[in-house]
Amino acid sequence: MPDRTIADTGQGLRAGQKVALPGTPCHGGVFHIQQQCESLANVLARRAKGALSRCKELELELEMIGAKEIGCGNTFSRELTLAR
């Protein structure tokens, strides 16, 4: 007989464990929380990668066209600041 069990918040599983293993503590699992955190981490990683790509793109554009020389420096600088 186990010392303890692990289950999510599903009431059916916990009720079954209570009947089958009376007196055995049932601890909450972290699978679903971990899964949600991994999804969030993936979204944030994609956004960071996109922002980095945009930074590189703007920096290249600033260099190539000499934006300051043609009077567009502020526009590109503002966009670059937002991307960073």
PDB file of N, CA and C in Angstrom:
ATOM      1  N   MET A   1       0.855  -1.173   0.000  1.00  0.00           N
ATOM      2  CA  MET A   1       0.000   0.000   0.000  1.00  0.00           C
ATOM      3  C   MET A   1       0.908   1.245   0.000  1.00  0.00           C
ATOM      4  N   PRO A   2       0.590   2.249  -0.842  1.00  0.00           N
ATOM      5  CA  PRO A   2       1.438   3.446  -0.914  1.00  0.00           C
ATOM      6  C   PRO A   2       1.293   4.339   0.320  1.00  0.00           C
ATOM      7  N   ASP A   3       2.347   5.105   0.596  1.00  0.00           N
ATOM      8  CA  ASP A   3       2.320   6.061   1.711  1.00  0.00           C
ATOM      9  C   ASP A   3       1.448   7.264   1.372  1.00  0.00           C
ATOM     10  N   ARG A   4       1.427   7.614   0.102  1.00  0.00           N
ATOM     11  CA  ARG A   4       0.634   8.760  -0.369  1.00  0.00           C
ATOM     12  C   ARG A   4       0.358   8.582  -1.854  1.00  0.00           C
ATOM     13  N   THR A   5      -0.612   9.329  -2.366  1.00  0.00           N
ATOM     14  CA  THR A   5      -0.929   9.312  -3.794  1.00  0.00           C
ATOM     15  C   THR A   5      -0.878  10.753  -4.313  1.00  0.00           C
ATOM     16  N   ILE A   6      -0.883  10.877  -5.633  1.00  0.00           N
ATOM     17  CA  ILE A   6      -0.870  12.191  -6.269  1.00  0.00           C
ATOM     18  C   ILE A   6      -1.984  12.215  -7.298  1.00  0.00           C
ATOM     19  N   ALA A   7      -2.737  13.305  -7.310  1.00  0.00           N
ATOM     20  CA  ALA A   7      -3.837  13.439  -8.267  1.00  0.00           C
ATOM     21  C   ALA A   7      -4.032  14.913  -8.605  1.00  0.00           C
ATOM     22  N   ASP A   8      -4.729  15.151  -9.733  1.00  0.00           N
ATOM     23  CA  ASP A   8      -5.079  16.529 -10.050  1.00  0.00           C
ATOM     24  C   ASP A   8      -6.332  16.900  -9.254  1.00  0.00           C
ATOM     25  N   THR A   9      -7.007  17.946  -9.650  1.00  0.00           N
ATOM     26  CA  THR A   9      -8.167  18.395  -8.863  1.00  0.00           C
ATOM     27  C   THR A   9      -9.460  17.679  -9.241  1.00  0.00           C
ATOM     28  N   GLY A  10      -9.364  16.668 -10.094  1.00  0.00           N
ATOM     29  CA  GLY A  10     -10.562  15.900 -10.466  1.00  0.00           C
ATOM     30  C   GLY A  10     -11.173  15.198  -9.257  1.00  0.00           C
ATOM     31  N   GLN A  11     -12.426  15.478  -9.010  1.00  0.00           N
ATOM     32  CA  GLN A  11     -13.084  14.936  -7.813  1.00  0.00           C
ATOM     33  C   GLN A  11     -13.322  13.432  -7.893  1.00  0.00           C
ATOM     34  N   GLY A  12     -13.525  12.900  -9.096  1.00  0.00           N
ATOM     35  CA  GLY A  12     -13.758  11.459  -9.253  1.00  0.00           C
ATOM     36  C   GLY A  12     -12.547  10.641  -8.839  1.00  0.00           C
ATOM     37  N   LEU A  13     -11.385  11.039  -9.293  1.00  0.00           N
ATOM     38  CA  LEU A  13     -10.158  10.330  -8.960  1.00  0.00           C
ATOM     39  C   LEU A  13      -9.897  10.377  -7.455  1.00  0.00           C
ATOM     40  N   ARG A  14     -10.065  11.548  -6.878  1.00  0.00           N
ATOM     41  CA  ARG A  14      -9.835  11.681  -5.430  1.00  0.00           C
ATOM     42  C   ARG A  14     -10.847  10.864  -4.622  1.00  0.00           C
ATOM     43  N   ALA A  15     -12.099  10.858  -5.059  1.00  0.00           N
ATOM     44  CA  ALA A  15     -13.128  10.073  -4.357  1.00  0.00           C
ATOM     45  C   ALA A  15     -12.801   8.579  -4.439  1.00  0.00           C
ATOM     46  N   GLY A  16     -12.355   8.129  -5.616  1.00  0.00           N
ATOM     47  CA  GLY A  16     -11.985   6.724  -5.785  1.00  0.00           C
ATOM     48  C   GLY A  16     -10.800   6.341  -4.909  1.00  0.00           C
ATOM     49  N   GLN A  17      -9.820   7.240  -4.820  1.00  0.00           N
ATOM     50  CA  GLN A  17      -8.667   6.963  -3.971  1.00  0.00           C
ATOM     51  C   GLN A  17      -9.062   6.913  -2.500  1.00  0.00           C
ATOM     52  N   LYS A  18     -10.002   7.765  -2.125  1.00  0.00           N
ATOM     53  CA  LYS A  18     -10.456   7.785  -0.730  1.00  0.00           C
ATOM     54  C   LYS A  18     -11.134   6.462  -0.358  1.00  0.00           C
ATOM     55  N   VAL A  19     -11.899   5.899  -1.310  1.00  0.00           N
ATOM     56  CA  VAL A  19     -12.580   4.626  -1.067  1.00  0.00           C
ATOM     57  C   VAL A  19     -11.575   3.470  -1.097  1.00  0.00           C
ATOM     58  N   ALA A  20     -10.685   3.480  -2.098  1.00  0.00           N
ATOM     59  CA  ALA A  20      -9.752   2.364  -2.270  1.00  0.00           C
ATOM     60  C   ALA A  20      -8.612   2.392  -1.251  1.00  0.00           C
ATOM     61  N   LEU A  21      -8.179   3.593  -0.865  1.00  0.00           N
ATOM     62  CA  LEU A  21      -7.040   3.721   0.047  1.00  0.00           C
ATOM     63  C   LEU A  21      -7.393   4.664   1.200  1.00  0.00           C
ATOM     64  N   PRO A  22      -8.311   4.274   2.058  1.00  0.00           N
ATOM     65  CA  PRO A  22      -8.719   5.169   3.139  1.00  0.00           C
ATOM     66  C   PRO A  22      -7.530   5.512   4.050  1.00  0.00           C
ATOM     67  N   GLY A  23      -7.449   6.776   4.404  1.00  0.00           N
ATOM     68  CA  GLY A  23      -6.394   7.222   5.306  1.00  0.00           C
ATOM     69  C   GLY A  23      -5.073   7.541   4.609  1.00  0.00           C
ATOM     70  N   THR A  24      -4.986   7.272   3.310  1.00  0.00           N
ATOM     71  CA  THR A  24      -3.762   7.584   2.559  1.00  0.00           C
ATOM     72  C   THR A  24      -3.873   9.014   2.034  1.00  0.00           C
ATOM     73  N   PRO A  25      -2.917   9.878   2.382  1.00  0.00           N
ATOM     74  CA  PRO A  25      -2.995  11.265   1.916  1.00  0.00           C
ATOM     75  C   PRO A  25      -2.837  11.361   0.400  1.00  0.00           C
ATOM     76  N   CYS A  26      -3.591  12.275  -0.180  1.00  0.00           N
ATOM     77  CA  CYS A  26      -3.543  12.511  -1.620  1.00  0.00           C
ATOM     78  C   CYS A  26      -3.034  13.940  -1.859  1.00  0.00           C
ATOM     79  N   HIS A  27      -1.882  14.063  -2.498  1.00  0.00           N
ATOM     80  CA  HIS A  27      -1.280  15.363  -2.767  1.00  0.00           C
ATOM     81  C   HIS A  27      -1.630  15.822  -4.180  1.00  0.00           C
ATOM     82  N   GLY A  28      -1.651  17.120  -4.359  1.00  0.00           N
ATOM     83  CA  GLY A  28      -1.955  17.681  -5.668  1.00  0.00           C
ATOM     84  C   GLY A  28      -0.775  17.559  -6.618  1.00  0.00           C
ATOM     85  N   GLY A  29      -1.079  17.280  -7.874  1.00  0.00           N
ATOM     86  CA  GLY A  29      -0.043  17.183  -8.898  1.00  0.00           C
ATOM     87  C   GLY A  29       0.228  18.547  -9.527  1.00  0.00           C
ATOM     88  N   VAL A  30       1.354  18.672 -10.182  1.00  0.00           N
ATOM     89  CA  VAL A  30       1.738  19.939 -10.796  1.00  0.00           C
ATOM     90  C   VAL A  30       1.780  19.850 -12.329  1.00  0.00           C
ATOM     91  N   PHE A  31       1.336  18.748 -12.897  1.00  0.00           N
ATOM     92  CA  PHE A  31       1.431  18.546 -14.340  1.00  0.00           C
ATOM     93  C   PHE A  31       0.756  19.659 -15.130  1.00  0.00           C
ATOM     94  N   HIS A  32      -0.493  19.964 -14.801  1.00  0.00           N
ATOM     95  CA  HIS A  32      -1.234  20.964 -15.579  1.00  0.00           C
ATOM     96  C   HIS A  32      -0.648  22.367 -15.414  1.00  0.00           C
ATOM     97  N   ILE A  33      -0.213  22.684 -14.225  1.00  0.00           N
ATOM     98  CA  ILE A  33       0.418  23.989 -13.998  1.00  0.00           C
ATOM     99  C   ILE A  33       1.716  24.070 -14.793  1.00  0.00           C
ATOM    100  N   GLN A  34       2.490  23.012 -14.758  1.00  0.00           N
ATOM    101  CA  GLN A  34       3.754  22.981 -15.494  1.00  0.00           C
ATOM    102  C   GLN A  34       3.501  23.112 -16.996  1.00  0.00           C
ATOM    103  N   GLN A  35       2.481  22.454 -17.483  1.00  0.00           N
ATOM    104  CA  GLN A  35       2.131  22.511 -18.897  1.00  0.00           C
ATOM    105  C   GLN A  35       1.761  23.943 -19.297  1.00  0.00           C
ATOM    106  N   GLN A  36       0.992  24.630 -18.477  1.00  0.00           N
ATOM    107  CA  GLN A  36       0.618  26.018 -18.758  1.00  0.00           C
ATOM    108  C   GLN A  36       1.842  26.938 -18.734  1.00  0.00           C
ATOM    109  N   CYS A  37       2.732  26.711 -17.789  1.00  0.00           N
ATOM    110  CA  CYS A  37       3.951  27.531 -17.705  1.00  0.00           C
ATOM    111  C   CYS A  37       4.838  27.316 -18.924  1.00  0.00           C
ATOM    112  N   GLU A  38       4.922  26.083 -19.401  1.00  0.00           N
ATOM    113  CA  GLU A  38       5.718  25.803 -20.595  1.00  0.00           C
ATOM    114  C   GLU A  38       5.116  26.505 -21.809  1.00  0.00           C
ATOM    115  N   SER A  39       3.791  26.517 -21.910  1.00  0.00           N
ATOM    116  CA  SER A  39       3.132  27.211 -23.015  1.00  0.00           C
ATOM    117  C   SER A  39       3.426  28.704 -22.957  1.00  0.00           C
ATOM    118  N   LEU A  40       3.344  29.282 -21.770  1.00  0.00           N
ATOM    119  CA  LEU A  40       3.645  30.704 -21.605  1.00  0.00           C
ATOM    120  C   LEU A  40       5.099  30.992 -21.955  1.00  0.00           C
ATOM    121  N   ALA A  41       5.999  30.139 -21.506  1.00  0.00           N
ATOM    122  CA  ALA A  41       7.425  30.322 -21.809  1.00  0.00           C
ATOM    123  C   ALA A  41       7.666  30.282 -23.316  1.00  0.00           C
ATOM    124  N   ASN A  42       6.965  29.401 -24.027  1.00  0.00           N
ATOM    125  CA  ASN A  42       7.107  29.319 -25.485  1.00  0.00           C
ATOM    126  C   ASN A  42       6.609  30.590 -26.169  1.00  0.00           C
ATOM    127  N   VAL A  43       5.479  31.112 -25.708  1.00  0.00           N
ATOM    128  CA  VAL A  43       4.939  32.352 -26.268  1.00  0.00           C
ATOM    129  C   VAL A  43       5.928  33.494 -26.045  1.00  0.00           C
ATOM    130  N   LEU A  44       6.438  33.613 -24.831  1.00  0.00           N
ATOM    131  CA  LEU A  44       7.384  34.684 -24.523  1.00  0.00           C
ATOM    132  C   LEU A  44       8.683  34.544 -25.313  1.00  0.00           C
ATOM    133  N   ALA A  45       9.136  33.325 -25.508  1.00  0.00           N
ATOM    134  CA  ALA A  45      10.357  33.094 -26.289  1.00  0.00           C
ATOM    135  C   ALA A  45      10.150  33.515 -27.740  1.00  0.00           C
ATOM    136  N   ARG A  46       8.965  33.195 -28.301  1.00  0.00           N
ATOM    137  CA  ARG A  46       8.676  33.606 -29.682  1.00  0.00           C
ATOM    138  C   ARG A  46       8.618  35.120 -29.805  1.00  0.00           C
ATOM    139  N   ARG A  47       8.003  35.783 -28.821  1.00  0.00           N
ATOM    140  CA  ARG A  47       7.929  37.249 -28.852  1.00  0.00           C
ATOM    141  C   ARG A  47       9.316  37.865 -28.735  1.00  0.00           C
ATOM    142  N   ALA A  48      10.156  37.305 -27.876  1.00  0.00           N
ATOM    143  CA  ALA A  48      11.511  37.818 -27.714  1.00  0.00           C
ATOM    144  C   ALA A  48      12.304  37.639 -29.009  1.00  0.00           C
ATOM    145  N   LYS A  49      12.139  36.497 -29.644  1.00  0.00           N
ATOM    146  CA  LYS A  49      12.842  36.240 -30.895  1.00  0.00           C
ATOM    147  C   LYS A  49      12.387  37.225 -31.974  1.00  0.00           C
ATOM    148  N   GLY A  50      11.093  37.492 -32.017  1.00  0.00           N
ATOM    149  CA  GLY A  50      10.561  38.456 -32.982  1.00  0.00           C
ATOM    150  C   GLY A  50      11.101  39.855 -32.726  1.00  0.00           C
ATOM    151  N   ALA A  51      11.160  40.253 -31.465  1.00  0.00           N
ATOM    152  CA  ALA A  51      11.680  41.582 -31.114  1.00  0.00           C
ATOM    153  C   ALA A  51      13.156  41.685 -31.463  1.00  0.00           C
ATOM    154  N   LEU A  52      13.898  40.625 -31.231  1.00  0.00           N
ATOM    155  CA  LEU A  52      15.319  40.621 -31.562  1.00  0.00           C
ATOM    156  C   LEU A  52      15.516  40.749 -33.070  1.00  0.00           C
ATOM    157  N   SER A  53      14.715  40.017 -33.821  1.00  0.00           N
ATOM    158  CA  SER A  53      14.788  40.106 -35.281  1.00  0.00           C
ATOM    159  C   SER A  53      14.468  41.518 -35.754  1.00  0.00           C
ATOM    160  N   ARG A  54      13.444  42.119 -35.152  1.00  0.00           N
ATOM    161  CA  ARG A  54      13.065  43.484 -35.525  1.00  0.00           C
ATOM    162  C   ARG A  54      14.180  44.468 -35.177  1.00  0.00           C
ATOM    163  N   CYS A  55      14.832  44.293 -34.038  1.00  0.00           N
ATOM    164  CA  CYS A  55      15.963  45.151 -33.651  1.00  0.00           C
ATOM    165  C   CYS A  55      17.067  45.078 -34.699  1.00  0.00           C
ATOM    166  N   LYS A  56      17.431  43.856 -35.067  1.00  0.00           N
ATOM    167  CA  LYS A  56      18.496  43.676 -36.054  1.00  0.00           C
ATOM    168  C   LYS A  56      18.111  44.309 -37.385  1.00  0.00           C
ATOM    169  N   GLU A  57      16.872  44.120 -37.772  1.00  0.00           N
ATOM    170  CA  GLU A  57      16.367  44.677 -39.029  1.00  0.00           C
ATOM    171  C   GLU A  57      16.444  46.206 -39.017  1.00  0.00           C
ATOM    172  N   LEU A  58      16.010  46.816 -37.929  1.00  0.00           N
ATOM    173  CA  LEU A  58      16.035  48.270 -37.827  1.00  0.00           C
ATOM    174  C   LEU A  58      17.460  48.816 -37.758  1.00  0.00           C
ATOM    175  N   GLU A  59      18.317  48.131 -37.019  1.00  0.00           N
ATOM    176  CA  GLU A  59      19.712  48.570 -36.924  1.00  0.00           C
ATOM    177  C   GLU A  59      20.385  48.532 -38.289  1.00  0.00           C
ATOM    178  N   LEU A  60      20.105  47.475 -39.048  1.00  0.00           N
ATOM    179  CA  LEU A  60      20.649  47.359 -40.399  1.00  0.00           C
ATOM    180  C   LEU A  60      20.133  48.477 -41.290  1.00  0.00           C
ATOM    181  N   GLU A  61      18.838  48.720 -41.184  1.00  0.00           N
ATOM    182  CA  GLU A  61      18.225  49.760 -41.998  1.00  0.00           C
ATOM    183  C   GLU A  61      18.800  51.135 -41.657  1.00  0.00           C
ATOM    184  N   LEU A  62      18.990  51.383 -40.372  1.00  0.00           N
ATOM    185  CA  LEU A  62      19.584  52.651 -39.947  1.00  0.00           C
ATOM    186  C   LEU A  62      20.973  52.830 -40.555  1.00  0.00           C
ATOM    187  N   GLU A  63      21.740  51.762 -40.558  1.00  0.00           N
ATOM    188  CA  GLU A  63      23.089  51.817 -41.118  1.00  0.00           C
ATOM    189  C   GLU A  63      23.068  51.988 -42.627  1.00  0.00           C
ATOM    190  N   MET A  64      22.229  51.195 -43.295  1.00  0.00           N
ATOM    191  CA  MET A  64      22.241  51.165 -44.754  1.00  0.00           C
ATOM    192  C   MET A  64      21.773  52.476 -45.375  1.00  0.00           C
ATOM    193  N   ILE A  65      20.688  53.025 -44.894  1.00  0.00           N
ATOM    194  CA  ILE A  65      20.154  54.221 -45.549  1.00  0.00           C
ATOM    195  C   ILE A  65      20.651  55.504 -44.920  1.00  0.00           C
ATOM    196  N   GLY A  66      21.352  55.374 -43.799  1.00  0.00           N
ATOM    197  CA  GLY A  66      21.822  56.586 -43.139  1.00  0.00           C
ATOM    198  C   GLY A  66      20.630  57.448 -42.754  1.00  0.00           C
ATOM    199  N   ALA A  67      19.710  56.865 -41.979  1.00  0.00           N
ATOM    200  CA  ALA A  67      18.442  57.517 -41.644  1.00  0.00           C
ATOM    201  C   ALA A  67      18.625  58.903 -41.041  1.00  0.00           C
ATOM    202  N   LYS A  68      19.652  59.081 -40.247  1.00  0.00           N
ATOM    203  CA  LYS A  68      19.878  60.397 -39.637  1.00  0.00           C
ATOM    204  C   LYS A  68      20.166  61.440 -40.717  1.00  0.00           C
ATOM    205  N   GLU A  69      20.881  61.022 -41.741  1.00  0.00           N
ATOM    206  CA  GLU A  69      21.258  61.950 -42.808  1.00  0.00           C
ATOM    207  C   GLU A  69      20.067  62.384 -43.654  1.00  0.00           C
ATOM    208  N   ILE A  70      19.052  61.511 -43.776  1.00  0.00           N
ATOM    209  CA  ILE A  70      17.893  61.890 -44.596  1.00  0.00           C
ATOM    210  C   ILE A  70      16.719  62.375 -43.746  1.00  0.00           C
ATOM    211  N   GLY A  71      16.956  62.586 -42.465  1.00  0.00           N
ATOM    212  CA  GLY A  71      15.924  63.142 -41.592  1.00  0.00           C
ATOM    213  C   GLY A  71      14.914  62.154 -41.039  1.00  0.00           C
ATOM    214  N   CYS A  72      15.201  60.871 -41.063  1.00  0.00           N
ATOM    215  CA  CYS A  72      14.283  59.847 -40.538  1.00  0.00           C
ATOM    216  C   CYS A  72      14.825  59.196 -39.269  1.00  0.00           C
ATOM    217  N   GLY A  73      15.885  59.706 -38.732  1.00  0.00           N
ATOM    218  CA  GLY A  73      16.527  59.093 -37.567  1.00  0.00           C
ATOM    219  C   GLY A  73      15.610  58.914 -36.387  1.00  0.00           C
ATOM    220  N   ASN A  74      14.773  59.927 -36.110  1.00  0.00           N
ATOM    221  CA  ASN A  74      13.873  59.837 -34.953  1.00  0.00           C
ATOM    222  C   ASN A  74      12.858  58.721 -35.104  1.00  0.00           C
ATOM    223  N   THR A  75      12.320  58.567 -36.310  1.00  0.00           N
ATOM    224  CA  THR A  75      11.330  57.505 -36.549  1.00  0.00           C
ATOM    225  C   THR A  75      11.945  56.136 -36.300  1.00  0.00           C
ATOM    226  N   PHE A  76      13.111  55.905 -36.884  1.00  0.00           N
ATOM    227  CA  PHE A  76      13.758  54.608 -36.707  1.00  0.00           C
ATOM    228  C   PHE A  76      14.219  54.412 -35.265  1.00  0.00           C
ATOM    229  N   SER A  77      14.705  55.458 -34.634  1.00  0.00           N
ATOM    230  CA  SER A  77      15.151  55.356 -33.242  1.00  0.00           C
ATOM    231  C   SER A  77      13.995  55.000 -32.331  1.00  0.00           C
ATOM    232  N   ARG A  78      12.831  55.582 -32.569  1.00  0.00           N
ATOM    233  CA  ARG A  78      11.642  55.295 -31.753  1.00  0.00           C
ATOM    234  C   ARG A  78      11.244  53.833 -31.919  1.00  0.00           C
ATOM    235  N   GLU A  79      11.206  53.373 -33.177  1.00  0.00           N
ATOM    236  CA  GLU A  79      10.852  51.970 -33.433  1.00  0.00           C
ATOM    237  C   GLU A  79      11.880  51.026 -32.809  1.00  0.00           C
ATOM    238  N   LEU A  80      13.146  51.393 -32.896  1.00  0.00           N
ATOM    239  CA  LEU A  80      14.198  50.565 -32.338  1.00  0.00           C
ATOM    240  C   LEU A  80      14.086  50.494 -30.817  1.00  0.00           C
ATOM    241  N   THR A  81      13.761  51.612 -30.196  1.00  0.00           N
ATOM    242  CA  THR A  81      13.571  51.636 -28.742  1.00  0.00           C
ATOM    243  C   THR A  81      12.418  50.718 -28.334  1.00  0.00           C
ATOM    244  N   LEU A  82      11.321  50.771 -29.076  1.00  0.00           N
ATOM    245  CA  LEU A  82      10.171  49.901 -28.786  1.00  0.00           C
ATOM    246  C   LEU A  82      10.533  48.426 -28.970  1.00  0.00           C
ATOM    247  N   ALA A  83      11.272  48.134 -30.021  1.00  0.00           N
ATOM    248  CA  ALA A  83      11.663  46.745 -30.279  1.00  0.00           C
ATOM    249  C   ALA A  83      12.578  46.229 -29.181  1.00  0.00           C
ATOM    250  N   ARG A  84      13.463  47.118 -28.727  1.00  0.00           N
ATOM    251  CA  ARG A  84      14.381  46.692 -27.650  1.00  0.00           C
ATOM    252  C   ARG A  84      13.619  46.464 -26.383  1.00  0.00           C
TER     253      ARG A  84
END
